[in-house]
C-alpha atoms as a PDB file:
ATOM      1  CA  MET A   1     -12.621  12.588   1.829  1.00  0.00           C
ATOM      2  CA  SER A   2      -9.775  10.411   2.611  1.00  0.00           C
ATOM      3  CA  THR A   3      -9.613   6.791   3.911  1.00  0.00           C
ATOM      4  CA  SER A   4      -7.543   6.442   7.084  1.00  0.00           C
ATOM      5  CA  ILE A   5      -6.083   3.379   8.880  1.00  0.00           C
ATOM      6  CA  THR A   6      -4.335   3.040  12.132  1.00  0.00           C
ATOM      7  CA  TYR A   7      -1.064   0.980  12.095  1.00  0.00           C
ATOM      8  CA  LYS A   8       1.350   0.047  14.805  1.00  0.00           C
ATOM      9  CA  ARG A   9       4.965   0.403  13.872  1.00  0.00           C
ATOM     10  CA  GLY A  10       6.932  -2.706  13.657  1.00  0.00           C
ATOM     11  CA  ASP A  11       3.838  -4.724  12.853  1.00  0.00           C
ATOM     12  CA  THR A  12       3.739  -6.535   9.696  1.00  0.00           C
ATOM     13  CA  PHE A  13       2.252  -4.400   6.867  1.00  0.00           C
ATOM     14  CA  ALA A  14       1.013  -6.670   4.089  1.00  0.00           C
ATOM     15  CA  PRO A  15      -2.420  -5.616   2.913  1.00  0.00           C
ATOM     16  CA  ALA A  16      -4.257  -8.178   0.601  1.00  0.00           C
ATOM     17  CA  LEU A  17      -6.002  -6.160  -2.118  1.00  0.00           C
ATOM     18  CA  ALA A  18      -8.463  -6.742  -4.789  1.00  0.00           C
ATOM     19  CA  VAL A  19      -9.251  -4.679  -7.958  1.00  0.00           C
ATOM     20  CA  THR A  20     -13.031  -4.723  -8.633  1.00  0.00           C
ATOM     21  CA  GLU A  21     -15.483  -2.855 -10.701  1.00  0.00           C
ATOM     22  CA  ASN A  22     -19.138  -2.973  -9.494  1.00  0.00           C
ATOM     23  CA  ASN A  23     -18.039  -5.776  -7.184  1.00  0.00           C
ATOM     24  CA  VAL A  24     -16.765  -7.821  -9.953  1.00  0.00           C
ATOM     25  CA  ALA A  25     -13.090  -8.787 -10.059  1.00  0.00           C
ATOM     26  CA  VAL A  26     -10.986  -7.198 -12.719  1.00  0.00           C
ATOM     27  CA  ASP A  27      -8.433  -8.933 -14.639  1.00  0.00           C
ATOM     28  CA  ILE A  28      -5.064  -7.340 -13.879  1.00  0.00           C
ATOM     29  CA  THR A  29      -2.928  -9.416 -16.424  1.00  0.00           C
ATOM     30  CA  GLY A  30      -0.235  -7.157 -17.802  1.00  0.00           C
ATOM     31  CA  TRP A  31      -0.772  -4.373 -15.348  1.00  0.00           C
ATOM     32  CA  THR A  32       2.066  -2.597 -13.658  1.00  0.00           C
ATOM     33  CA  ILE A  33       1.281  -1.870  -9.878  1.00  0.00           C
ATOM     34  CA  SER A  34       3.469   0.482  -7.793  1.00  0.00           C
ATOM     35  CA  SER A  35       2.905   1.789  -4.322  1.00  0.00           C
ATOM     36  CA  GLN A  36       4.695   3.975  -1.672  1.00  0.00           C
ATOM     37  CA  ILE A  37       4.320   5.421   1.834  1.00  0.00           C
ATOM     38  CA  ARG A  38       5.533   8.863   2.320  1.00  0.00           C
ATOM     39  CA  THR A  39       5.545  11.454   5.160  1.00  0.00           C
ATOM     40  CA  PRO A  40       3.558  14.777   4.557  1.00  0.00           C
ATOM     41  CA  ASP A  41       6.925  16.284   3.532  1.00  0.00           C
ATOM     42  CA  ASP A  42       7.358  13.752   0.899  1.00  0.00           C
ATOM     43  CA  VAL A  43      10.105  11.623   2.530  1.00  0.00           C
ATOM     44  CA  LEU A  44       9.950   7.922   1.380  1.00  0.00           C
ATOM     45  CA  VAL A  45       9.172   5.790   4.158  1.00  0.00           C
ATOM     46  CA  ALA A  46       8.326   2.352   2.167  1.00  0.00           C
ATOM     47  CA  ASP A  47       8.507   1.382  -1.322  1.00  0.00           C
ATOM     48  CA  LEU A  48       6.040  -1.724  -1.431  1.00  0.00           C
ATOM     49  CA  ALA A  49       6.352  -4.655  -3.744  1.00  0.00           C
ATOM     50  CA  VAL A  50       3.618  -6.948  -5.052  1.00  0.00           C
ATOM     51  CA  SER A  51       3.403 -10.555  -4.049  1.00  0.00           C
ATOM     52  CA  ASN A  52       0.637 -13.357  -4.218  1.00  0.00           C
ATOM     53  CA  ARG A  53      -0.600 -12.004  -7.453  1.00  0.00           C
ATOM     54  CA  ASP A  54      -3.705 -13.683  -9.040  1.00  0.00           C
ATOM     55  CA  ASN A  55      -4.270 -11.840 -12.396  1.00  0.00           C
ATOM     56  CA  ALA A  56      -7.625 -13.421 -13.299  1.00  0.00           C
ATOM     57  CA  ALA A  57      -9.011 -12.627  -9.635  1.00  0.00           C
ATOM     58  CA  GLY A  58      -7.531  -9.273  -9.560  1.00  0.00           C
ATOM     59  CA  THR A  59      -5.881  -9.921  -6.126  1.00  0.00           C
ATOM     60  CA  TYR A  60      -2.368  -9.291  -4.931  1.00  0.00           C
ATOM     61  CA  THR A  61      -0.451  -8.469  -1.680  1.00  0.00           C
ATOM     62  CA  LEU A  62       1.628  -5.264  -1.091  1.00  0.00           C
ATOM     63  CA  SER A  63       4.502  -5.501   1.493  1.00  0.00           C
ATOM     64  CA  PRO A  64       7.768  -3.280   2.067  1.00  0.00           C
ATOM     65  CA  THR A  65      10.922  -4.102   0.204  1.00  0.00           C
ATOM     66  CA  VAL A  66      13.728  -5.309   2.658  1.00  0.00           C
ATOM     67  CA  ASP A  67      15.284  -1.751   2.376  1.00  0.00           C
ATOM     68  CA  TYR A  68      12.304  -0.136   4.205  1.00  0.00           C
ATOM     69  CA  PRO A  69      11.565  -2.314   7.287  1.00  0.00           C
ATOM     70  CA  GLU A  70       8.342  -1.511   9.383  1.00  0.00           C
ATOM     71  CA  THR A  71      10.433  -0.864  12.443  1.00  0.00           C
ATOM     72  CA  GLY A  72      12.055   2.273  11.136  1.00  0.00           C
ATOM     73  CA  TRP A  73       8.563   4.020  10.192  1.00  0.00           C
ATOM     74  CA  PRO A  74       8.156   7.363  11.889  1.00  0.00           C
ATOM     75  CA  VAL A  75       5.300   7.649  14.441  1.00  0.00           C
ATOM     76  CA  GLY A  76       2.638  10.119  13.029  1.00  0.00           C
ATOM     77  CA  ILE A  77       0.597  10.888   9.825  1.00  0.00           C
ATOM     78  CA  LEU A  78       1.859   9.050   6.724  1.00  0.00           C
ATOM     79  CA  HIS A  79       0.440   9.065   3.127  1.00  0.00           C
ATOM     80  CA  TRP A  80      -0.107   6.156   0.827  1.00  0.00           C
ATOM     81  CA  ASP A  81      -1.509   5.322  -2.487  1.00  0.00           C
ATOM     82  CA  ILE A  82      -1.388   2.744  -5.295  1.00  0.00           C
ATOM     83  CA  GLN A  83      -0.711   3.588  -8.801  1.00  0.00           C
ATOM     84  CA  TYR A  84      -1.872   1.208 -11.632  1.00  0.00           C
ATOM     85  CA  ASN A  85      -0.856   1.107 -15.307  1.00  0.00           C
ATOM     86  CA  ASP A  86      -2.890  -0.730 -17.769  1.00  0.00           C
ATOM     87  CA  GLY A  87      -1.756   1.413 -20.685  1.00  0.00           C
ATOM     88  CA  THR A  88      -3.351   4.323 -18.832  1.00  0.00           C
ATOM     89  CA  VAL A  89      -1.840   5.603 -15.424  1.00  0.00           C
ATOM     90  CA  PHE A  90      -4.275   5.967 -12.560  1.00  0.00           C
ATOM     91  CA  SER A  91      -4.190   6.101  -8.939  1.00  0.00           C
ATOM     92  CA  THR A  92      -6.285   5.356  -5.684  1.00  0.00           C
ATOM     93  CA  GLN A  93      -7.341   8.070  -3.336  1.00  0.00           C
ATOM     94  CA  THR A  94      -4.701   8.869  -0.857  1.00  0.00           C
ATOM     95  CA  ILE A  95      -4.864   6.918   2.195  1.00  0.00           C
ATOM     96  CA  VAL A  96      -3.788   8.276   5.682  1.00  0.00           C
ATOM     97  CA  ILE A  97      -1.826   5.831   7.863  1.00  0.00           C
ATOM     98  CA  ARG A  98      -1.791   6.863  11.455  1.00  0.00           C
ATOM     99  CA  CYS A  99       1.342   5.195  12.500  1.00  0.00           C
ATOM    100  CA  GLU A 100       1.602   4.586  16.228  1.00  0.00           C
ATOM    101  CA  LYS A 101       4.151   3.534  18.561  1.00  0.00           C
ATOM    102  CA  ASP A 102       4.163  -0.122  19.459  1.00  0.00           C
ATOM    103  CA  ILE A 103       3.878  -0.746  23.148  1.00  0.00           C
ATOM    104  CA  THR A 104       4.822  -4.400  23.226  1.00  0.00           C
ATOM    105  CA  ARG A 105       8.282  -5.375  21.602  1.00  0.00           C
END
């Protein structure tokens, strides 16, 4: 079962996230965090950068690099995941993004 979200193209994409285990914050000191959004055909839509990182609280924000502005995202289904490396590489489940056309510009 996949998680899905709806996103309006051109809106700011900057989810604030937290790493937890059994509802307890996980210290992410020393972890590498990578994340990308791709089309179902594996075309890169956005490479996401980490900011606002609080290692002890396990929190951070992801947002697209300037090379991949949200205004250029294709309308339709996109796939997104987050990969962590704490010495062992593991990824979240794939999140389906339903990217919709923005009506108000």
